[in-house]
Protein backbone atom coordinates (compact mmCIF):
# COMPACT_ATOMS: atom_id res chain seq x y z
CA MET A 1 122.37 23.59 99.24
CA VAL A 2 119.04 22.05 100.25
CA ASP A 3 117.24 25.29 99.52
CA ASN A 4 118.80 25.39 96.04
CA LYS A 5 117.62 21.83 95.26
CA THR A 6 114.17 22.61 96.57
CA GLY A 7 113.98 25.71 94.37
CA LYS A 8 115.00 23.72 91.30
CA TYR A 9 112.45 21.05 92.13
CA LEU A 10 109.67 23.65 92.47
CA ILE A 11 110.63 25.23 89.16
CA TYR A 12 110.61 21.80 87.52
CA ALA A 13 107.24 20.92 89.05
CA LEU A 14 105.71 24.22 88.03
CA SER A 15 107.05 23.76 84.50
CA GLU A 16 105.47 20.31 84.34
CA ILE A 17 102.17 21.68 85.60
CA LEU A 18 102.34 24.53 83.10
CA LEU A 19 102.99 22.10 80.24
CA VAL A 20 100.01 19.98 81.32
CA VAL A 21 97.76 23.07 81.51
CA VAL A 22 98.93 24.29 78.10
CA GLY A 23 98.36 20.81 76.69
CA ILE A 24 94.85 20.72 78.11
CA LEU A 25 94.08 24.19 76.72
CA ILE A 26 95.37 23.20 73.27
CA ALA A 27 93.33 20.00 73.40
CA LEU A 28 90.23 21.97 74.38
CA GLN A 29 90.88 24.49 71.61
CA ILE A 30 91.27 21.70 69.06
CA GLU A 31 88.12 20.07 70.38
CA GLY A 32 86.34 23.44 70.11
CA TRP A 33 87.49 23.87 66.51
CA LYS A 34 86.38 20.33 65.74
CA GLU A 35 82.96 20.90 67.32
CA GLU A 36 82.56 24.22 65.50
CA LYS A 37 83.42 22.56 62.20
CA GLU A 38 80.96 19.74 62.85
CA ASN A 39 78.25 22.26 63.77
CA ASN A 40 78.86 24.24 60.59
CA GLU A 41 78.77 21.10 58.50
CA LYS A 42 75.51 20.07 60.18
CA THR A 43 74.11 23.55 59.54
CA LYS A 44 74.93 23.26 55.85
CA VAL A 45 73.29 19.83 55.66
CA ILE A 46 70.13 21.15 57.31
CA LEU A 47 70.03 24.20 55.03
CA GLY A 48 70.38 21.87 52.05
CA GLN A 49 67.38 19.92 53.35
CA ILE A 50 65.44 23.17 53.71
CA LEU A 51 66.15 23.90 50.03
CA THR A 52 64.54 20.59 49.10
CA GLU A 53 61.65 21.33 51.45
CA LEU A 54 61.11 24.80 49.99
CA GLU A 55 61.12 23.50 46.42
CA HIS A 56 58.32 21.08 47.34
CA ASN A 57 56.37 23.76 49.22
CA VAL A 58 56.61 26.30 46.40
CA LEU A 59 55.46 23.73 43.83
CA SER A 60 52.55 22.70 46.06
CA GLY A 61 51.73 26.37 46.46
CA VAL A 62 51.76 26.99 42.71
CA ASN A 63 49.23 24.18 42.19
CA ASN A 64 46.97 25.68 44.85
CA ILE A 65 47.32 29.22 43.50
CA ILE A 66 46.31 28.12 40.02
CA GLY A 67 43.50 25.91 41.35
CA PHE A 68 42.01 28.40 43.81
CA ASN A 69 42.29 31.25 41.32
CA LYS A 70 40.15 29.20 38.94
CA LYS A 71 37.70 28.47 41.77
CA ASP A 72 37.61 32.17 42.65
CA SER A 73 36.75 33.07 39.06
CA LEU A 74 33.94 30.49 39.00
CA MET A 75 32.59 31.67 42.35
CA LYS A 76 32.46 35.24 41.06
CA GLN A 77 30.42 34.05 38.10
CA VAL A 78 28.08 32.21 40.47
CA LEU A 79 27.57 35.30 42.63
CA ASP A 80 27.09 37.53 39.56
CA ARG A 81 24.43 35.06 38.32
CA LYS A 82 26.28 34.62 35.03
CA LEU A 83 26.00 30.83 34.85
CA ALA A 84 23.24 28.80 33.23
CA TYR A 85 21.98 25.25 33.57
CA GLN A 86 24.25 23.97 30.81
CA ASP A 87 27.36 25.38 32.52
CA TYR A 88 26.68 23.23 35.59
CA ALA A 89 25.65 20.20 33.54
CA GLU A 90 28.99 20.20 31.71
CA SER A 91 31.25 20.86 34.73
CA ASP A 92 31.88 18.54 37.65
CA GLU A 93 34.08 21.28 39.12
CA LEU A 94 31.18 23.74 39.20
CA ARG A 95 28.89 21.23 40.91
CA SER A 96 31.54 20.55 43.57
CA LEU A 97 32.67 24.17 43.85
CA ILE A 98 32.24 24.45 47.64
CA THR A 99 32.31 20.76 48.58
CA SER A 100 35.92 20.07 47.49
CA TYR A 101 39.29 21.78 47.63
CA TYR A 102 42.86 21.24 46.51
CA TRP A 103 45.32 19.23 48.56
CA LEU A 104 48.06 21.30 50.18
CA GLU A 105 50.96 19.75 52.06
CA LEU A 106 53.66 22.11 53.31
CA TYR A 107 56.69 20.35 54.81
CA ASN A 108 58.57 21.73 57.81
CA SER A 109 60.68 18.84 59.15
CA ALA A 110 63.98 20.41 57.97
CA TYR A 111 62.94 23.70 59.57
CA GLN A 112 62.31 21.87 62.86
CA LYS A 113 65.84 20.44 62.64
CA LEU A 114 67.22 23.95 62.19
CA MET A 115 65.31 25.16 65.26
CA ALA A 116 66.70 22.26 67.33
CA HIS A 117 70.18 23.20 66.09
CA GLN A 118 69.69 26.95 66.55
CA GLU A 119 71.88 27.40 69.65
CA LYS A 120 74.84 25.93 67.80
CA LEU A 121 74.54 28.16 64.73
CA ASP A 122 77.47 30.33 63.76
CA PRO A 123 76.64 34.07 64.18
CA THR A 124 77.05 34.56 60.43
CA TYR A 125 73.80 32.60 59.95
CA ILE A 126 71.69 34.88 62.18
CA VAL A 127 70.18 37.07 59.44
CA LEU A 128 69.42 34.09 57.21
CA THR A 129 67.88 32.20 60.11
CA GLU A 130 65.61 35.16 60.87
CA GLN A 131 64.37 35.07 57.27
CA ILE A 132 63.69 31.35 57.52
CA VAL A 133 61.91 31.67 60.87
CA ASN A 134 59.66 34.45 59.56
CA LEU A 135 58.75 32.37 56.51
CA TYR A 136 57.83 29.25 58.48
CA SER A 137 56.46 30.68 61.72
CA THR A 138 54.54 33.66 60.32
CA THR A 139 53.81 33.43 56.59
CA MET A 140 53.34 29.65 56.47
CA TYR A 141 51.26 29.79 59.64
CA ARG A 142 48.84 32.25 57.98
CA VAL A 143 48.53 29.96 54.96
CA GLN A 144 47.81 26.94 57.13
CA GLU A 145 45.23 28.87 59.17
CA GLU A 146 43.37 29.96 56.02
CA TYR A 147 43.62 26.46 54.56
CA ALA A 148 42.10 24.99 57.73
CA GLN A 149 39.22 27.46 57.41
CA ILE A 150 38.65 26.30 53.84
CA GLY A 151 38.38 22.74 55.13
CA ASP A 152 35.89 23.85 57.79
CA ASN A 153 33.80 25.64 55.15
CA VAL A 154 33.77 22.55 52.95
CA ASP A 155 32.70 20.40 55.91
CA ARG A 156 29.84 22.80 56.71
CA ALA A 157 28.69 22.85 53.08
CA VAL A 158 28.75 19.05 52.85
CA LYS A 159 26.87 18.75 56.14
CA HIS A 160 24.23 21.27 55.07
CA MET A 161 23.62 19.59 51.73
CA SER A 162 23.60 16.07 53.17
CA MET A 163 20.98 17.08 55.74
CA ASN A 164 18.79 19.34 53.58
CA CYS A 165 19.10 18.21 49.96
CA PRO A 166 17.52 14.82 49.04
CA TRP A 167 19.50 14.71 45.80
CA TYR A 168 22.90 14.85 47.57
CA SER A 169 23.62 11.12 47.79
CA ASN A 170 21.96 10.14 44.48
CA THR A 171 23.42 9.96 41.00
CA LEU A 172 20.37 9.58 38.74
CA PRO A 173 19.87 12.22 35.99
CA GLN A 174 16.80 13.70 37.70
CA HIS A 175 18.80 14.19 40.88
CA MET A 176 21.47 16.13 38.97
CA ASP A 177 18.68 18.33 37.61
CA GLN A 178 17.57 19.01 41.20
CA GLN A 179 21.17 19.75 42.22
CA ILE A 180 21.64 22.26 39.41
CA GLU A 181 18.33 23.97 40.10
CA TYR A 182 19.38 24.28 43.73
CA MET A 183 22.73 25.83 42.77
CA LEU A 184 21.05 28.27 40.39
CA SER A 185 18.50 29.57 42.87
CA ASP A 186 19.07 28.72 46.53
CA PRO A 187 20.03 31.79 48.64
CA ILE A 188 21.80 29.69 51.28
CA TYR A 189 23.96 28.18 48.54
CA PHE A 190 24.90 31.67 47.34
CA ASN A 191 25.81 32.61 50.93
CA MET A 192 28.07 29.55 51.22
CA VAL A 193 29.74 30.41 47.90
CA LYS A 194 30.34 33.98 49.11
CA SER A 195 31.86 32.69 52.35
CA MET A 196 34.15 30.29 50.47
CA LYS A 197 35.18 33.04 48.05
CA GLY A 198 36.19 35.31 50.91
CA ILE A 199 38.28 32.66 52.65
CA GLY A 200 39.64 30.62 49.76
CA GLY A 201 39.50 32.82 46.70
CA GLU A 202 40.75 35.96 48.42
CA ASN A 203 42.42 35.50 51.84
CA PHE A 204 44.02 32.11 51.22
CA LEU A 205 45.03 32.98 47.67
CA LYS A 206 46.76 36.19 48.77
CA ASN A 207 48.60 34.48 51.64
CA MET A 208 49.61 31.56 49.41
CA ILE A 209 51.08 33.98 46.85
CA ASP A 210 52.92 35.86 49.60
CA PHE A 211 54.29 32.59 50.97
CA ASN A 212 55.49 31.37 47.59
CA HIS A 213 57.31 34.56 46.69
CA GLU A 214 58.87 34.82 50.15
CA ALA A 215 59.89 31.15 49.96
CA ILE A 216 61.60 31.82 46.62
CA ASP A 217 63.51 34.73 48.18
CA VAL A 218 64.58 32.55 51.11
CA TYR A 219 65.57 29.71 48.75
CA LYS A 220 67.85 32.07 46.82
CA ALA A 221 69.34 33.47 50.04
CA ILE A 222 70.20 29.95 51.29
CA HIS A 223 71.56 28.97 47.88
CA LYS A 224 73.85 32.02 47.93
CA LYS A 225 74.94 31.47 51.55
CA LEU A 226 75.95 27.89 50.78
CA GLY A 227 77.91 29.06 47.73
CA LEU A 228 76.16 26.58 45.45
CA ASN A 229 76.87 26.61 41.73
CA THR A 230 73.89 24.46 40.82
CA PRO A 231 71.07 26.13 38.84
CA TYR A 232 67.81 26.99 40.57
CA PRO A 233 64.95 24.54 40.03
CA GLU A 234 62.46 25.75 37.43
CA VAL A 235 59.80 26.68 39.98
CA VAL A 236 62.31 29.01 41.69
CA ASP A 237 64.13 30.32 38.62
CA ARG A 238 60.96 31.68 36.98
CA ILE A 239 61.09 34.72 39.29
CA LYS A 240 64.01 36.90 38.15
CA ASP A 241 66.22 39.24 40.18
CA TYR A 242 67.32 42.38 38.37
CA PRO A 243 69.71 45.12 39.54
CA GLU A 244 68.52 48.63 40.29
CA SER A 245 69.98 49.89 37.01
CA VAL A 246 67.54 47.66 35.12
CA LEU A 247 64.50 48.30 37.32
CA ASN A 248 64.74 52.09 37.37
CA GLU A 249 63.12 52.57 33.96
CA TYR A 250 60.02 50.61 35.02
CA GLU A 251 59.32 52.85 38.01
CA GLY A 252 56.77 55.63 37.73
CA ILE A 253 53.06 56.47 37.78
CA TYR A 254 50.69 54.52 35.51
CA THR A 255 47.02 55.33 34.91
CA PHE A 256 44.05 53.42 33.52
CA GLY A 257 40.50 54.34 32.57
CA ASN A 258 40.70 58.04 31.79
CA LYS A 259 43.13 58.44 34.70
CA SER A 260 40.52 57.19 37.18
CA HIS A 261 42.93 54.52 38.40
CA GLU A 262 46.52 55.21 39.35
CA LEU A 263 49.35 52.81 40.15
CA GLN A 264 52.81 53.67 41.44
CA VAL A 265 55.44 51.15 40.45
CA LYS A 266 58.41 51.30 42.82
CA PHE A 267 60.80 48.45 43.52
CA GLY A 268 62.10 47.35 46.89
CA LYS A 269 65.55 46.25 47.98
CA LEU A 270 65.09 42.63 46.89
CA GLY A 271 65.24 43.69 43.25
CA ASN A 272 62.50 41.40 41.97
CA HIS A 273 59.15 42.84 43.03
CA THR A 274 57.44 46.14 43.74
CA GLU A 275 57.16 47.39 47.30
CA GLN A 276 53.37 47.64 47.39
CA ASN A 277 51.91 45.92 44.34
CA TRP A 278 53.84 42.66 44.34
CA ILE A 279 54.68 42.67 40.66
CA TYR A 280 57.30 40.02 39.92
CA PHE A 281 59.43 39.85 36.80
CA THR A 282 59.73 36.59 34.90
CA GLU A 283 61.80 38.11 32.08
CA PRO A 284 62.63 41.61 30.78
CA ASP A 285 59.44 43.62 30.13
CA ARG A 286 57.25 40.77 31.41
CA ALA A 287 55.93 40.43 34.94
CA GLU A 288 53.10 38.75 36.79
CA TYR A 289 51.00 38.82 39.91
CA LEU A 290 49.24 35.44 39.92
CA TYR A 291 51.56 32.83 38.42
CA GLU A 292 50.85 33.12 34.69
CA ILE A 293 47.25 34.19 35.39
CA ASP A 294 47.47 37.95 35.83
CA LEU A 295 50.19 39.03 33.40
CA ILE A 296 51.89 42.36 32.77
CA GLU A 297 53.76 43.22 29.58
CA PHE A 298 55.50 46.58 29.40
CA ILE A 299 55.15 48.51 26.13
CA ARG A 300 58.00 50.47 24.51
CA ASN A 301 57.93 53.13 21.79
CA GLU A 302 60.20 53.37 18.76
CA ASP A 303 62.88 54.92 20.96
CA SER A 304 62.70 51.90 23.26
CA LEU A 305 61.23 53.97 26.10
CA ILE A 306 58.49 52.48 28.28
CA THR A 307 55.13 54.13 27.58
CA GLY A 308 52.88 51.82 29.62
CA PHE A 309 51.94 48.21 30.14
CA GLU A 310 49.24 45.79 29.07
CA TYR A 311 47.64 44.00 32.01
CA THR A 312 45.83 40.73 31.37
CA TYR A 313 43.46 40.18 34.27
CA ARG A 314 41.70 36.80 34.07
CA GLY A 315 41.53 36.93 30.31
CA GLU A 316 40.60 40.63 30.04
CA LYS A 317 43.21 43.13 28.82
CA GLN A 318 43.76 46.60 30.26
CA TYR A 319 46.20 49.21 28.94
CA TRP A 320 47.90 51.38 31.57
CA SER A 321 49.72 54.52 30.39
CA LYS A 322 52.91 55.76 32.01
CA VAL A 323 52.55 59.43 32.97
CA ASP A 324 55.66 59.93 35.12
């Protein structure tokens, strides 16, 4: 009789313990679901902040691309000795060509938040996060490195002129004459222009273009991941994404200058730019390389087949024929 009561008591006690354990496990599971939901919500908030950050960075990049492309064109004219006294006299920008540069401010505070939150990211965000990390830690880093070198070059030019050119701190007409004569003839000045052109007009400009286009791709990937129905901002929407069925007819071999130059147009998986030549479409039959500076317009015959394209390179037009 005692043994029977003891057995019932043990069964009862074990049942109570089991209920407590199950309750704890359910509570932990609910807490886990709650934490996962909060983490996902926080991830979405941070990604939304990165969208805002990218829009600012792309716009800042556009301003620098346009500005430094203009500087690059002017520096080429300086080095080719194509400028005269009157050109300098009428242009403050020419006279400050290597002693000033455009302001660039690339934000990364939202990206830093994402990195601090990285261990709590849902696995479905891994690929997107890798894209974002590459943009900020690699492409943006190159831009910032080149931009810092531009600043160093400007500092060296200012220091050289302030120490060696009596006219530097004066504003009288005769001092401007001395400044222009210096810029038209001094070999050290030409060397400084060449150095600035290599860093700012070529290296920085290329990396800034790469950053902007990659940032636009990342913006669109985040926008899609978040399932947003809002339209892209204008600075993002100007680069179009077309399906393979549309891009196929643009691919082929194009030649210029009695076939002395050859270009293969072949599009990558992203569906908006070529794999090697970084041609981006802004609308059907129209593409660009340097943000409305170097423009490409594809030409069609009466049968609506592409026969070539007209390439406007810094104001000069080239016609490229499609041969394949």
